[in-house]
Amino acid sequence: MPFAKIVTVKDALNTDEKRLLKEKITDALVEIEGGGNPDFRQHVWVVIDEIEGENWSVGGLEPSAEMIQAIKEAAPK
């Protein structure tokens, strides 16, 4: 029974992004660990742990949801 934990800055992901992330991680674990068996899906646990930006340091900066949003918007599509 796989358990995947995603740790991110609080409010960096909206509800739809969290749903998609959980779905894609589940899909990957079903394919890799479950050998593609769709019944394995019911055994996959995914949790998203959101930590306040003030508790992080990235290059000496405390990331904010706004900073992460700006990075996402600047990324090539």
Protein backbone atom coordinates (compact mmCIF):
# COMPACT_ATOMS: atom_id res chain seq x y z
CA MET A 1 0.00 0.00 0.00
CA PRO A 2 1.95 3.07 -1.20
CA PHE A 3 1.77 6.38 0.61
CA ALA A 4 2.90 9.55 -1.18
CA LYS A 5 3.36 12.79 0.75
CA ILE A 6 3.67 16.09 -1.08
CA VAL A 7 4.99 19.02 0.94
CA THR A 8 4.38 22.50 -0.46
CA VAL A 9 3.96 26.11 0.57
CA LYS A 10 0.50 26.83 1.93
CA ASP A 11 -1.86 28.24 -0.72
CA ALA A 12 0.62 27.57 -3.55
CA LEU A 13 -1.89 25.18 -5.15
CA ASN A 14 -5.55 25.80 -5.74
CA THR A 15 -8.21 23.12 -5.28
CA ASP A 16 -8.10 22.02 -8.94
CA GLU A 17 -4.29 21.80 -8.93
CA LYS A 18 -4.37 19.68 -5.75
CA ARG A 19 -6.97 17.36 -7.27
CA LEU A 20 -4.92 16.98 -10.46
CA LEU A 21 -1.70 16.39 -8.52
CA LYS A 22 -3.31 13.67 -6.39
CA GLU A 23 -4.82 12.08 -9.51
CA LYS A 24 -1.54 12.05 -11.45
CA ILE A 25 0.48 10.70 -8.53
CA THR A 26 -2.11 7.98 -8.00
CA ASP A 27 -2.00 7.14 -11.72
CA ALA A 28 1.81 6.86 -11.60
CA LEU A 29 1.77 4.58 -8.56
CA VAL A 30 -0.93 2.38 -10.08
CA GLU A 31 1.18 2.05 -13.23
CA ILE A 32 4.56 1.53 -11.54
CA GLU A 33 3.87 -0.22 -8.25
CA GLY A 34 0.52 -1.76 -9.15
CA GLY A 35 1.64 -3.02 -12.55
CA GLY A 36 -1.18 -1.11 -14.26
CA ASN A 37 -3.91 -2.99 -12.37
CA PRO A 38 -6.77 -0.47 -11.85
CA ASP A 39 -7.86 -2.32 -8.69
CA PHE A 40 -4.58 -1.19 -7.07
CA ARG A 41 -5.92 2.40 -7.10
CA GLN A 42 -7.92 1.77 -3.92
CA HIS A 43 -4.68 1.10 -2.03
CA VAL A 44 -2.86 4.32 -2.99
CA TRP A 45 -2.72 7.06 -0.36
CA VAL A 46 -1.73 10.63 -1.31
CA VAL A 47 -1.56 13.52 1.12
CA ILE A 48 -0.67 17.15 0.50
CA ASP A 49 0.95 18.83 3.50
CA GLU A 50 0.87 22.62 3.24
CA ILE A 51 3.44 24.50 5.30
CA GLU A 52 3.36 28.25 5.93
CA GLY A 53 5.90 30.12 3.76
CA GLU A 54 7.57 31.59 6.83
CA ASN A 55 8.68 28.06 7.76
CA TRP A 56 10.62 27.59 4.51
CA SER A 57 13.83 29.01 3.15
CA VAL A 58 14.66 28.84 -0.54
CA GLY A 59 17.89 30.59 -1.43
CA GLY A 60 17.53 32.61 1.76
CA LEU A 61 14.00 33.75 0.89
CA GLU A 62 10.72 32.83 2.51
CA PRO A 63 8.53 31.73 -0.41
CA SER A 64 4.99 32.99 -0.59
CA ALA A 65 2.02 31.71 -2.55
CA GLU A 66 2.35 34.84 -4.71
CA MET A 67 6.02 34.12 -5.44
CA ILE A 68 5.19 30.56 -6.47
CA GLN A 69 2.31 31.77 -8.64
CA ALA A 70 4.67 34.17 -10.43
CA ILE A 71 7.10 31.31 -11.09
CA LYS A 72 4.29 29.12 -12.43
CA GLU A 73 3.10 31.91 -14.73
CA ALA A 74 6.63 32.52 -16.03
CA ALA A 75 7.24 28.84 -16.83
CA PRO A 76 7.13 27.87 -20.50
CA LYS A 77 3.84 26.31 -21.50
